[in-house]
Each structure stands twice: as structure tokens, then as C-alpha cells.
Amino acid sequence: MNSLHYSSSGPISFRSRVRALRGGGDGDKAVLTGPAVELESYGPPAEMKRSGSTGVVTVDGPDSTFYSGESLYVGESGHGTLNIKDRGSVVSEGQAYLGSYLGSVGTATVAGAGSTWSIADWFEIGIDGKGILDIRNGGAASIGDGGVSLAWWAGSEAVVKVDGNGSTWTNTGELEFGEGAGQLRITNGGAVAASDLSLSASSLLAIDIGKGSLLNLGGGTITNDGMVRMAAGADVAPGDYSPINAGSWVGGRVYEPIGGVWDTSSHVFTVAELITGAAGTQIETDLADAQRIAVDDAQTGWSVGASFAPTATSTTLKLEASPITGDSRSSLESLLGPDQSLLAGWEFLITEGYSPGDPAYLSFDIGAGFLLDNLMLLHDDSAGWDSFTVTDLTYDGRYANFSVLGFSGYALSSAAVSEPATLAMLASALVTVLVCGRRQCRAATRACE
């Protein structure tokens, strides 16, 4: 695996036609040379292009700046990660790409207040491969007027997460989803701005409600040919919220509210009243009127919330939630490592008013002092407890929220470590700096050899 970690008082510049950390395999070596600081990569040319190879670039510290002149590729043909943290910055003077070839994975994380990535021209996330952009904890990314393409070709994948107060993704141009599977998730006060947004049939825009999360298109147009999902957890105050600002609304596809109702005329989300009850007792609500339930357990001190989609007609939902105990808890705890602790675990039973496959939103009140990267979800189905992966797990300093498509047992654990587990740093990274025309790369990335 190739690795470059840069932390310095001066900038690194890549302004020539070089290929940097394409993932040349174990025999390659990255070397910084000369006063202009040029990155060279040594190794057999065939190995330099090998599919499945890995590398990582981390820009770390308030005076650390990584410049790329022309095109910046992360995950061109293998797996790649670009990490920007602790007020580090990356300046892309041309274009940028995450996940280019089929089978490639490109991941970029911009974490922490003062950490920035600026791209002067256009940005493509998931051309033929998989691209992931994670902006969190006050990080910021800005894109020029070339616009952004997400999950462009069929079979590609793009995931963008903007999470936390002060986290911003500012786009001068349009956000356009292509034929692949694309997701844009805005949570915990994150903000995304663009001139327009076009959702394709296979794409999803997800926004949590009541925490200041915002998609701001100004006077621009939102074209919804996919799905817009809006969810209010148990910790949100009832009332009216406007999570999307747009001048015009086009498209007749799905707007899916969870935990409240969405007015398609006024474009206002009304968060429902919270129905409360005790653990181990059946709680009822009419989903046409109230779509949120909170359950408290006096013995453990745990509490959990469940939010549901509204129904057009009166529909009684009957839910019972109980903390895991006995053999179920022992089985769960046996799966945890020595540095992990159980934060909460609940068994859910719904006897009426819900069909498996319908989306719901769970809110675990785990308190303060945890790191999102250290949280692990587990699920108990008919085969027993096992790890459970979701794309929308968030943590706001008290509540951990995530979506489910069925009810049985769910639990949350945390590793007892003091530093972030930054999973992105353990992923692979390929960064290539070269000149390549936009249309050429979009139509056939292979032409950029």
C-alpha cells in the first residue's frame, strides 16, 4: 500500500503531468524532491496501473496545503482515500474525480472546522466506480461553476454525506445525478448549496429535520425524478420546518416524510407530536395523526425513539420495546471485543400497523462523549446477533439515529478509545494528477491513460 502523510508549515505543489499514488503495489515508493516539491512514483509501469492496488494521502494540520494543478484523481483504477483534517487544505486548480474505473473506490474525507477542499472547475463522484465524499464536524468543500456529476454511468455509485453544524458543501453550479446509485445525505446541521439539483430515478436525497440541516438552491430548481426522504427523530421539537430552499419544484416522484408530514404545496415539514410510554408495555398511535414514539426504561435508564411514515387514512400502530436481557444480552456481549462496551440494546415487537420493508427511523439516546467512528450497530434476527451496516448512522452528541426496514433487535456499542478510528484512513487511496478533458473522462475514463 502506498502512503503519503503530509504535515508541514509550507504547501506541497503538484503542477506537472505526474501520476501520484495510483496504487502501484508493495514495490512502489513515493519520494518528495526539489525545492518545487515534485512527487515521483517508482515501480514497474504495469504495477503502477494494477487494479486492486492501494494508497492513501493525508493532509493534516493548519499550515498543510496540498495543491494539484489540472486533474486530481482519487481511486482511478484501484482503491483510494484522500484525508483532509485538523485545518489542512487541498486546492484543486482544475477538476477532481472520485472512483473512476469500474471496480475502483475513491473516498475523500474533509473533517473538522478549518479543513477545506476547493475545486476550481467540475467534480465527478462515481464515474464508473464508487465515489464517497464525507464532510463532517465543520469541514468545508467548495466547487466551481463546472458543476458536480454523481453516479454517472449505470452500475456506478456515489455517496455524499454532509454532517454536523458548520459542515458545508458549496457548489456554484448544478448537482446532477446520473444512471447509477447516488445518495446525498445532509444531517445534524450540515448545509449544501447549489444552483440546481437533479435527482435521477435511482438517486436519493436524505435530510434530517429539526437540526438545521439545509439544502439551499436559492432561486434554482429541484428536479425530483428519484426520492427525497426527510426524517425527524425522537429528539426534535414538534413544529414546522423548511429543510429545502428552492425557487421551483419539478418532477413527480417520491417525497417521503418520516416522523411527520410533508406539504407538497408549501414545502414545509411538520414534525408530529411525540407519543411516550414505558418499556415492556404496548404503545399505540394513529399514524395518520402522530408518527413518533418514545420509550423509556426506568431500570436501565435507556430510552429509544421510533419514527414512522404517515398514512393517508387512520391506521393504528401497536409497538412494544424492551431492553435486551438474559441470554439475548449475554449472546450480544460475547460478540464485543475487550475495548467495546454496550451502550443500549432493544427488542421491538409490532403487532399491528407496520409492514416489513417500510422505512422507519430509530433514535438511541446514548448520551454524550462518544465518537461516530467508534459506534457499532448490531442486529438480532432469526440467526442471532451480528454486526449491522447502514449508510445513514449519525450521532449528534446525544442521540444516535439510523434507518431500518424491519423491527426485531437492535443494539449499539462503542470502542473505548480516545482518538477517532478514522476508518477512511484504513481504506485505500489512489491519487493521480494529470491533464484530461472533461468530456473525454466522462465518456470514457480509459482515454486518460
Protein backbone atom coordinates (compact mmCIF):
# COMPACT_ATOMS: atom_id res chain seq x y z
CA MET A 1 0.00 0.00 0.00
CA ASN A 2 1.31 3.43 -0.92
CA SER A 3 1.03 6.11 1.75
CA LEU A 4 1.84 9.79 1.92
CA HIS A 5 1.23 11.71 5.13
CA TYR A 6 1.89 15.45 4.84
CA SER A 7 2.04 17.80 7.83
CA SER A 8 4.16 20.89 7.37
CA SER A 9 4.35 24.66 7.55
CA GLY A 10 4.51 25.01 3.76
CA PRO A 11 2.48 23.83 0.78
CA ILE A 12 3.07 20.82 -1.43
CA SER A 13 2.54 21.54 -5.13
CA PHE A 14 1.76 19.13 -7.96
CA ARG A 15 1.61 21.22 -11.09
CA SER A 16 3.21 18.95 -13.70
CA ARG A 17 1.85 15.90 -15.51
CA VAL A 18 2.64 13.27 -12.92
CA ARG A 19 0.89 10.19 -11.63
CA ALA A 20 0.89 10.20 -7.86
CA LEU A 21 -0.05 7.22 -5.72
CA ARG A 22 -2.01 5.37 -8.35
CA GLY A 23 -1.56 2.28 -6.27
CA GLY A 24 1.48 0.60 -7.74
CA GLY A 25 1.70 -2.21 -5.22
CA ASP A 26 4.18 -3.06 -2.50
CA GLY A 27 7.27 -2.26 -4.58
CA ASP A 28 6.47 1.38 -5.20
CA LYS A 29 7.89 4.30 -3.29
CA ALA A 30 6.74 7.90 -3.06
CA VAL A 31 9.58 10.46 -2.91
CA LEU A 32 9.46 14.23 -2.37
CA THR A 33 12.28 16.01 -4.18
CA GLY A 34 13.46 19.50 -5.14
CA PRO A 35 12.56 22.99 -4.00
CA ALA A 36 9.38 22.97 -6.09
CA VAL A 37 8.37 19.71 -4.37
CA GLU A 38 7.54 17.19 -7.09
CA LEU A 39 6.09 13.80 -6.27
CA GLU A 40 7.51 10.87 -8.21
CA SER A 41 6.49 7.23 -8.05
CA TYR A 42 8.93 4.38 -8.67
CA GLY A 43 7.97 0.88 -9.74
CA PRO A 44 7.17 -1.24 -12.79
CA PRO A 45 4.71 0.58 -15.08
CA ALA A 46 2.38 -2.42 -15.17
CA GLU A 47 2.24 -2.45 -11.40
CA MET A 48 1.51 1.28 -11.35
CA LYS A 49 -1.79 0.62 -13.09
CA ARG A 50 -2.73 -2.56 -11.31
CA SER A 51 -6.37 -2.92 -10.41
CA GLY A 52 -6.95 -3.50 -6.71
CA SER A 53 -3.81 -1.66 -5.59
CA THR A 54 -3.99 0.83 -2.75
CA GLY A 55 -2.65 4.12 -1.40
CA VAL A 56 -3.52 6.97 0.96
CA VAL A 57 -2.86 10.70 1.15
CA THR A 58 -3.47 12.63 4.37
CA VAL A 59 -3.22 16.40 4.64
CA ASP A 60 -3.02 17.20 8.33
CA GLY A 61 -2.51 20.46 10.21
CA PRO A 62 -3.34 24.18 9.95
CA ASP A 63 -0.41 25.07 7.66
CA SER A 64 -0.57 21.99 5.46
CA THR A 65 -1.79 22.66 1.92
CA PHE A 66 -1.84 20.20 -0.97
CA TYR A 67 -2.03 21.82 -4.41
CA SER A 68 -2.99 19.95 -7.57
CA GLY A 69 -2.74 21.72 -10.89
CA GLU A 70 -5.10 20.18 -13.60
CA SER A 71 -6.95 16.97 -12.69
CA LEU A 72 -6.91 15.23 -9.33
CA TYR A 73 -8.00 11.57 -9.26
CA VAL A 74 -8.75 9.66 -6.07
CA GLY A 75 -9.34 5.97 -6.82
CA GLU A 76 -8.67 5.88 -10.53
CA SER A 77 -8.40 2.13 -11.02
CA GLY A 78 -7.92 0.72 -7.52
CA HIS A 79 -8.98 1.83 -4.05
CA GLY A 80 -8.05 5.28 -2.79
CA THR A 81 -8.53 7.74 0.06
CA LEU A 82 -7.78 11.41 0.50
CA ASN A 83 -7.98 12.63 4.12
CA ILE A 84 -8.10 16.33 4.98
CA LYS A 85 -8.20 17.06 8.69
CA ASP A 86 -7.19 19.41 11.52
CA ARG A 87 -7.39 22.53 9.32
CA GLY A 88 -5.45 21.02 6.47
CA SER A 89 -6.41 22.11 2.96
CA VAL A 90 -6.39 20.79 -0.59
CA VAL A 91 -6.57 23.17 -3.56
CA SER A 92 -7.53 21.58 -6.88
CA GLU A 93 -6.92 24.16 -9.59
CA GLY A 94 -8.70 22.06 -12.22
CA GLN A 95 -11.07 19.13 -11.87
CA ALA A 96 -11.42 16.32 -9.33
CA TYR A 97 -12.69 12.74 -9.57
CA LEU A 98 -13.65 10.08 -7.00
CA GLY A 99 -13.98 6.49 -8.25
CA SER A 100 -13.19 6.46 -11.97
CA TYR A 101 -12.84 2.97 -13.44
CA LEU A 102 -15.26 0.13 -12.96
CA GLY A 103 -14.36 -1.55 -9.66
CA SER A 104 -12.47 1.43 -8.27
CA VAL A 105 -13.32 3.13 -4.97
CA GLY A 106 -12.37 6.73 -4.24
CA THR A 107 -13.00 8.19 -0.79
CA ALA A 108 -12.41 11.76 0.37
CA THR A 109 -12.97 12.95 3.94
CA VAL A 110 -12.92 16.61 4.99
CA ALA A 111 -13.08 16.64 8.79
CA GLY A 112 -13.02 19.43 11.35
CA ALA A 113 -13.51 23.19 11.36
CA GLY A 114 -10.97 24.89 9.10
CA SER A 115 -10.36 21.77 6.97
CA THR A 116 -11.12 22.62 3.34
CA TRP A 117 -11.11 21.26 -0.18
CA SER A 118 -11.61 23.71 -3.03
CA ILE A 119 -12.08 22.59 -6.64
CA ALA A 120 -11.89 25.30 -9.26
CA ASP A 121 -13.76 23.53 -12.04
CA TRP A 122 -16.00 20.45 -12.04
CA PHE A 123 -16.23 17.44 -9.76
CA GLU A 124 -17.27 13.88 -10.66
CA ILE A 125 -18.15 11.38 -7.90
CA GLY A 126 -18.54 7.81 -9.11
CA ILE A 127 -17.92 7.84 -12.88
CA ASP A 128 -17.81 4.09 -13.47
CA GLY A 129 -16.69 3.15 -9.95
CA LYS A 130 -17.72 4.16 -6.44
CA GLY A 131 -17.07 7.64 -5.05
CA ILE A 132 -17.55 8.70 -1.43
CA LEU A 133 -17.33 12.26 -0.11
CA ASP A 134 -17.62 12.69 3.67
CA ILE A 135 -17.73 16.25 5.05
CA ARG A 136 -18.06 16.30 8.82
CA ASN A 137 -17.53 18.22 12.05
CA GLY A 138 -17.26 21.63 10.41
CA GLY A 139 -15.27 20.66 7.31
CA ALA A 140 -15.95 22.51 4.07
CA ALA A 141 -15.75 21.75 0.34
CA SER A 142 -16.38 24.22 -2.48
CA ILE A 143 -16.79 23.54 -6.19
CA GLY A 144 -16.57 25.96 -9.12
CA ASP A 145 -19.16 26.58 -11.81
CA GLY A 146 -18.33 23.40 -13.72
CA GLY A 147 -20.91 21.55 -11.63
CA VAL A 148 -20.97 18.12 -10.00
CA SER A 149 -21.90 14.76 -11.52
CA LEU A 150 -22.78 11.88 -9.20
CA ALA A 151 -23.05 8.14 -10.07
CA TRP A 152 -22.83 8.94 -13.75
CA TRP A 153 -22.94 5.58 -15.53
CA ALA A 154 -25.18 2.62 -14.79
CA GLY A 155 -23.56 0.41 -12.15
CA SER A 156 -21.64 3.27 -10.57
CA GLU A 157 -22.22 4.51 -7.03
CA ALA A 158 -21.87 7.87 -5.28
CA VAL A 159 -22.40 8.70 -1.61
CA VAL A 160 -22.05 12.23 -0.24
CA LYS A 161 -22.51 12.94 3.47
CA VAL A 162 -22.52 16.43 4.95
CA ASP A 163 -22.84 16.04 8.70
CA GLY A 164 -22.61 18.47 11.63
CA ASN A 165 -23.04 22.16 12.33
CA GLY A 166 -20.64 24.19 10.21
CA SER A 167 -20.12 21.39 7.69
CA THR A 168 -20.73 22.83 4.23
CA TRP A 169 -20.66 21.77 0.59
CA THR A 170 -20.89 24.87 -1.57
CA ASN A 171 -21.40 24.43 -5.31
CA THR A 172 -21.52 27.31 -7.75
CA GLY A 173 -23.04 25.07 -10.40
CA GLU A 174 -25.57 22.23 -10.56
CA LEU A 175 -25.66 18.88 -8.74
CA GLU A 176 -26.67 16.24 -11.27
CA PHE A 177 -27.28 12.55 -10.55
CA GLY A 178 -26.70 10.07 -13.36
CA GLU A 179 -27.73 6.50 -14.13
CA GLY A 180 -26.04 4.86 -11.12
CA ALA A 181 -27.00 4.67 -7.45
CA GLY A 182 -26.43 8.12 -5.93
CA GLN A 183 -27.06 9.41 -2.42
CA LEU A 184 -26.79 12.86 -0.85
CA ARG A 185 -27.29 12.88 2.94
CA ILE A 186 -27.46 16.13 4.94
CA THR A 187 -27.58 15.67 8.70
CA ASN A 188 -27.02 17.30 12.11
CA GLY A 189 -26.97 20.86 10.78
CA GLY A 190 -24.95 20.25 7.61
CA ALA A 191 -25.59 22.60 4.70
CA VAL A 192 -25.42 22.09 0.93
CA ALA A 193 -25.74 24.89 -1.61
CA ALA A 194 -26.00 24.64 -5.41
CA SER A 195 -27.60 26.44 -8.34
CA ASP A 196 -29.89 23.47 -9.13
CA LEU A 197 -30.35 19.81 -8.17
CA SER A 198 -31.45 16.99 -10.50
CA LEU A 199 -32.29 13.62 -8.95
CA SER A 200 -32.42 10.61 -11.27
CA ALA A 201 -34.72 7.62 -10.84
CA SER A 202 -32.03 5.71 -8.93
CA SER A 203 -30.93 8.51 -6.60
CA LEU A 204 -31.80 9.60 -3.06
CA LEU A 205 -31.69 12.90 -1.19
CA ALA A 206 -32.00 12.39 2.58
CA ILE A 207 -32.25 15.24 5.12
CA ASP A 208 -32.87 15.05 8.85
CA ILE A 209 -35.38 17.52 10.24
CA GLY A 210 -35.17 19.93 13.15
CA LYS A 211 -31.38 20.21 13.45
CA GLY A 212 -30.70 22.98 10.96
CA SER A 213 -29.82 20.71 8.04
CA LEU A 214 -30.43 22.58 4.79
CA LEU A 215 -30.35 22.20 1.03
CA ASN A 216 -30.20 25.73 -0.38
CA LEU A 217 -30.78 26.17 -4.11
CA GLY A 218 -31.69 29.84 -3.82
CA GLY A 219 -33.88 30.64 -6.80
CA GLY A 220 -32.80 27.43 -8.55
CA THR A 221 -34.75 24.30 -9.43
CA ILE A 222 -35.03 20.94 -7.71
CA THR A 223 -35.94 18.24 -10.21
CA ASN A 224 -37.06 15.13 -8.37
CA ASP A 225 -37.16 12.05 -10.56
CA GLY A 226 -35.92 9.93 -7.62
CA MET A 227 -36.65 10.09 -3.89
CA VAL A 228 -36.43 12.81 -1.27
CA ARG A 229 -36.54 11.32 2.24
CA MET A 230 -36.95 13.57 5.30
CA ALA A 231 -36.78 12.13 8.82
CA ALA A 232 -37.48 13.60 12.26
CA GLY A 233 -36.08 11.69 15.21
CA ALA A 234 -37.36 11.49 18.77
CA ASP A 235 -35.22 14.44 19.91
CA VAL A 236 -36.82 17.04 17.63
CA ALA A 237 -39.40 19.55 18.83
CA PRO A 238 -42.81 19.38 17.12
CA GLY A 239 -43.49 22.15 14.63
CA ASP A 240 -42.89 23.36 11.08
CA TYR A 241 -39.53 23.17 9.30
CA SER A 242 -38.27 24.09 5.83
CA PRO A 243 -35.27 21.87 5.01
CA ILE A 244 -35.15 22.71 1.28
CA ASN A 245 -34.97 26.18 -0.23
CA ALA A 246 -35.68 26.29 -3.98
CA GLY A 247 -37.23 28.64 -6.48
CA SER A 248 -39.07 25.95 -8.43
CA TRP A 249 -40.00 22.31 -7.92
CA VAL A 250 -40.16 19.91 -10.84
CA GLY A 251 -40.76 16.17 -11.12
CA GLY A 252 -43.47 13.91 -9.82
CA ARG A 253 -41.50 11.30 -7.90
CA VAL A 254 -41.44 10.49 -4.20
CA TYR A 255 -41.23 12.81 -1.20
CA GLU A 256 -41.08 10.50 1.80
CA PRO A 257 -41.57 12.04 5.26
CA ILE A 258 -40.79 10.02 8.41
CA GLY A 259 -41.84 11.32 11.81
CA GLY A 260 -44.17 13.96 10.40
CA VAL A 261 -45.94 15.11 7.24
CA TRP A 262 -44.74 16.97 4.15
CA ASP A 263 -46.83 19.63 2.44
CA THR A 264 -46.04 19.47 -1.29
CA SER A 265 -47.55 22.91 -1.87
CA SER A 266 -45.88 24.98 0.87
CA HIS A 267 -42.79 22.69 1.02
CA VAL A 268 -42.99 22.60 4.81
CA PHE A 269 -42.33 19.56 7.00
CA THR A 270 -44.49 19.38 10.13
CA VAL A 271 -42.92 17.27 12.88
CA ALA A 272 -45.51 15.22 14.76
CA GLU A 273 -46.17 15.22 18.48
CA LEU A 274 -44.24 12.61 20.45
CA ILE A 275 -46.21 9.71 21.92
CA THR A 276 -44.45 8.41 25.05
CA GLY A 277 -44.65 5.18 27.01
CA ALA A 278 -42.80 2.77 29.29
CA ALA A 279 -40.60 -0.13 28.24
CA GLY A 280 -42.34 -3.50 28.12
CA THR A 281 -45.80 -2.03 27.55
CA GLN A 282 -47.74 -1.72 24.32
CA ILE A 283 -47.90 1.82 22.96
CA GLU A 284 -50.47 2.82 20.36
CA THR A 285 -50.61 5.70 17.91
CA ASP A 286 -52.66 6.57 14.86
CA LEU A 287 -50.12 7.06 12.03
CA ALA A 288 -52.46 9.49 10.31
CA ASP A 289 -52.04 11.85 13.29
CA ALA A 290 -48.79 11.09 15.15
CA GLN A 291 -45.79 9.28 13.69
CA ARG A 292 -43.28 9.35 16.58
CA ILE A 293 -42.97 7.19 19.69
CA ALA A 294 -40.51 7.41 22.61
CA VAL A 295 -39.93 4.59 25.08
CA ASP A 296 -38.18 4.91 28.45
CA ASP A 297 -36.88 2.17 30.74
CA ALA A 298 -36.57 3.15 34.41
CA GLN A 299 -34.32 0.24 35.36
CA THR A 300 -31.56 0.69 32.78
CA GLY A 301 -32.04 4.42 32.20
CA TRP A 302 -32.18 3.73 28.47
CA SER A 303 -34.58 5.43 26.09
CA VAL A 304 -35.30 4.93 22.40
CA GLY A 305 -37.45 6.61 19.78
CA ALA A 306 -39.09 5.24 16.65
CA SER A 307 -40.43 7.38 13.81
CA PHE A 308 -42.72 6.19 11.03
CA ALA A 309 -44.18 7.39 7.74
CA PRO A 310 -47.65 8.95 7.88
CA THR A 311 -50.68 7.20 6.45
CA ALA A 312 -53.45 8.80 4.43
CA THR A 313 -56.16 7.11 6.47
CA SER A 314 -56.49 6.16 10.12
CA THR A 315 -54.00 3.37 10.91
CA THR A 316 -53.34 2.13 14.43
CA LEU A 317 -49.76 1.11 15.12
CA LYS A 318 -49.04 -1.03 18.19
CA LEU A 319 -45.41 -1.14 19.35
CA GLU A 320 -43.65 -2.65 22.34
CA ALA A 321 -39.95 -2.05 23.07
CA SER A 322 -37.96 -3.76 25.84
CA PRO A 323 -34.28 -3.62 26.83
CA ILE A 324 -32.41 -6.80 25.96
CA THR A 325 -31.86 -9.06 28.95
CA GLY A 326 -30.86 -12.60 29.87
CA ASP A 327 -29.47 -14.92 27.22
CA SER A 328 -30.01 -12.39 24.45
CA ARG A 329 -27.84 -9.83 26.20
CA SER A 330 -25.20 -12.42 27.10
CA SER A 331 -25.06 -13.56 23.48
CA LEU A 332 -24.66 -9.98 22.32
CA GLU A 333 -21.95 -9.09 24.82
CA SER A 334 -19.98 -12.19 23.85
CA LEU A 335 -19.52 -10.66 20.41
CA LEU A 336 -17.96 -7.46 21.75
CA GLY A 337 -14.22 -7.03 21.95
CA PRO A 338 -12.36 -6.17 25.16
CA ASP A 339 -12.35 -2.48 24.27
CA GLN A 340 -16.08 -2.34 23.45
CA SER A 341 -19.00 -1.57 25.74
CA LEU A 342 -22.73 -1.99 25.22
CA LEU A 343 -24.46 1.40 25.12
CA ALA A 344 -28.03 0.23 24.57
CA GLY A 345 -29.97 -2.70 23.17
CA TRP A 346 -33.68 -3.04 22.46
CA GLU A 347 -36.07 -5.74 21.30
CA PHE A 348 -39.01 -4.41 19.28
CA LEU A 349 -42.38 -6.04 18.68
CA ILE A 350 -45.00 -4.53 16.37
CA THR A 351 -48.27 -6.41 16.19
CA GLU A 352 -50.29 -4.03 14.06
CA GLY A 353 -49.92 -1.08 11.68
CA TYR A 354 -46.48 -1.79 10.19
CA SER A 355 -45.26 -3.91 7.26
CA PRO A 356 -41.64 -5.11 6.98
CA GLY A 357 -39.89 -3.15 4.26
CA ASP A 358 -41.48 0.15 5.22
CA PRO A 359 -38.84 2.69 6.27
CA ALA A 360 -38.60 3.73 9.91
CA TYR A 361 -36.11 5.85 11.86
CA LEU A 362 -34.67 4.83 15.24
CA SER A 363 -33.19 7.21 17.80
CA PHE A 364 -31.00 5.73 20.56
CA ASP A 365 -30.39 8.11 23.47
CA ILE A 366 -26.81 7.13 24.38
CA GLY A 367 -25.68 10.40 25.95
CA ALA A 368 -22.58 12.48 25.33
CA GLY A 369 -18.91 11.64 24.98
CA PHE A 370 -18.75 9.24 22.03
CA LEU A 371 -17.26 9.38 18.54
CA LEU A 372 -19.27 8.42 15.49
CA ASP A 373 -16.41 6.37 14.05
CA ASN A 374 -16.32 4.26 17.21
CA LEU A 375 -20.02 3.36 17.22
CA MET A 376 -21.04 -0.09 16.01
CA LEU A 377 -24.57 -1.27 15.25
CA LEU A 378 -25.74 -4.83 15.83
CA HIS A 379 -28.93 -6.58 14.75
CA ASP A 380 -30.67 -9.65 16.09
CA ASP A 381 -32.66 -11.57 13.52
CA SER A 382 -33.63 -15.21 13.38
CA ALA A 383 -29.95 -16.17 13.08
CA GLY A 384 -28.88 -14.28 16.22
CA TRP A 385 -26.86 -11.12 16.83
CA ASP A 386 -24.48 -9.84 14.19
CA SER A 387 -22.97 -6.54 13.06
CA PHE A 388 -25.35 -4.31 11.11
CA THR A 389 -24.25 -1.82 8.49
CA VAL A 390 -26.29 1.24 7.49
CA THR A 391 -25.34 4.23 5.36
CA ASP A 392 -27.08 6.83 7.50
CA LEU A 393 -25.86 6.31 11.09
CA THR A 394 -25.42 9.73 12.72
CA TYR A 395 -24.57 10.95 16.21
CA ASP A 396 -25.35 14.47 17.42
CA GLY A 397 -23.67 14.32 20.82
CA ARG A 398 -26.60 12.56 22.48
CA TYR A 399 -28.75 10.63 20.01
CA ALA A 400 -27.59 8.03 17.51
CA ASN A 401 -30.04 7.86 14.62
CA PHE A 402 -30.38 5.39 11.76
CA SER A 403 -32.95 3.95 9.36
CA VAL A 404 -34.37 0.41 9.41
CA LEU A 405 -36.70 -1.61 7.20
CA GLY A 406 -37.91 -4.01 9.87
CA PHE A 407 -38.21 -4.50 13.63
CA SER A 408 -36.58 -7.11 15.87
CA GLY A 409 -33.49 -6.47 18.00
CA TYR A 410 -31.04 -3.57 17.61
CA ALA A 411 -28.07 -2.61 19.77
CA LEU A 412 -25.30 -0.04 19.81
CA SER A 413 -21.79 -0.44 21.19
CA SER A 414 -18.73 1.79 21.35
CA ALA A 415 -15.00 1.14 21.40
CA ALA A 416 -13.30 2.67 24.44
CA VAL A 417 -10.63 4.66 22.64
CA SER A 418 -9.75 8.34 22.86
CA GLU A 419 -8.82 9.02 19.24
CA PRO A 420 -11.13 8.79 16.19
CA ALA A 421 -10.98 5.44 14.50
CA THR A 422 -10.97 7.23 11.12
CA LEU A 423 -11.98 4.27 9.05
CA ALA A 424 -11.28 6.29 5.92
CA MET A 425 -7.58 6.24 6.76
CA LEU A 426 -7.61 2.47 6.80
CA ALA A 427 -9.16 2.43 3.36
CA SER A 428 -7.06 2.57 0.24
CA ALA A 429 -6.23 5.65 -1.73
CA LEU A 430 -5.11 6.40 -5.21
CA VAL A 431 -4.41 9.94 -6.23
CA THR A 432 -3.46 10.77 -9.79
CA VAL A 433 -2.60 14.23 -11.02
CA LEU A 434 -2.80 14.58 -14.77
CA VAL A 435 -4.37 16.55 -17.56
CA CYS A 436 -7.56 15.16 -19.03
CA GLY A 437 -10.54 16.70 -20.81
CA ARG A 438 -13.88 16.64 -19.03
CA ARG A 439 -15.95 15.11 -21.78
CA GLN A 440 -13.24 12.59 -22.54
CA CYS A 441 -13.18 11.39 -18.92
CA ARG A 442 -16.94 11.32 -18.57
CA ALA A 443 -17.48 9.35 -21.75
CA ALA A 444 -14.52 7.03 -21.34
CA THR A 445 -12.17 7.44 -18.43
CA ARG A 446 -9.83 4.96 -20.04
CA ALA A 447 -8.89 7.59 -22.61
CA CYS A 448 -6.93 9.39 -19.89
CA GLU A 449 -4.17 6.77 -19.81
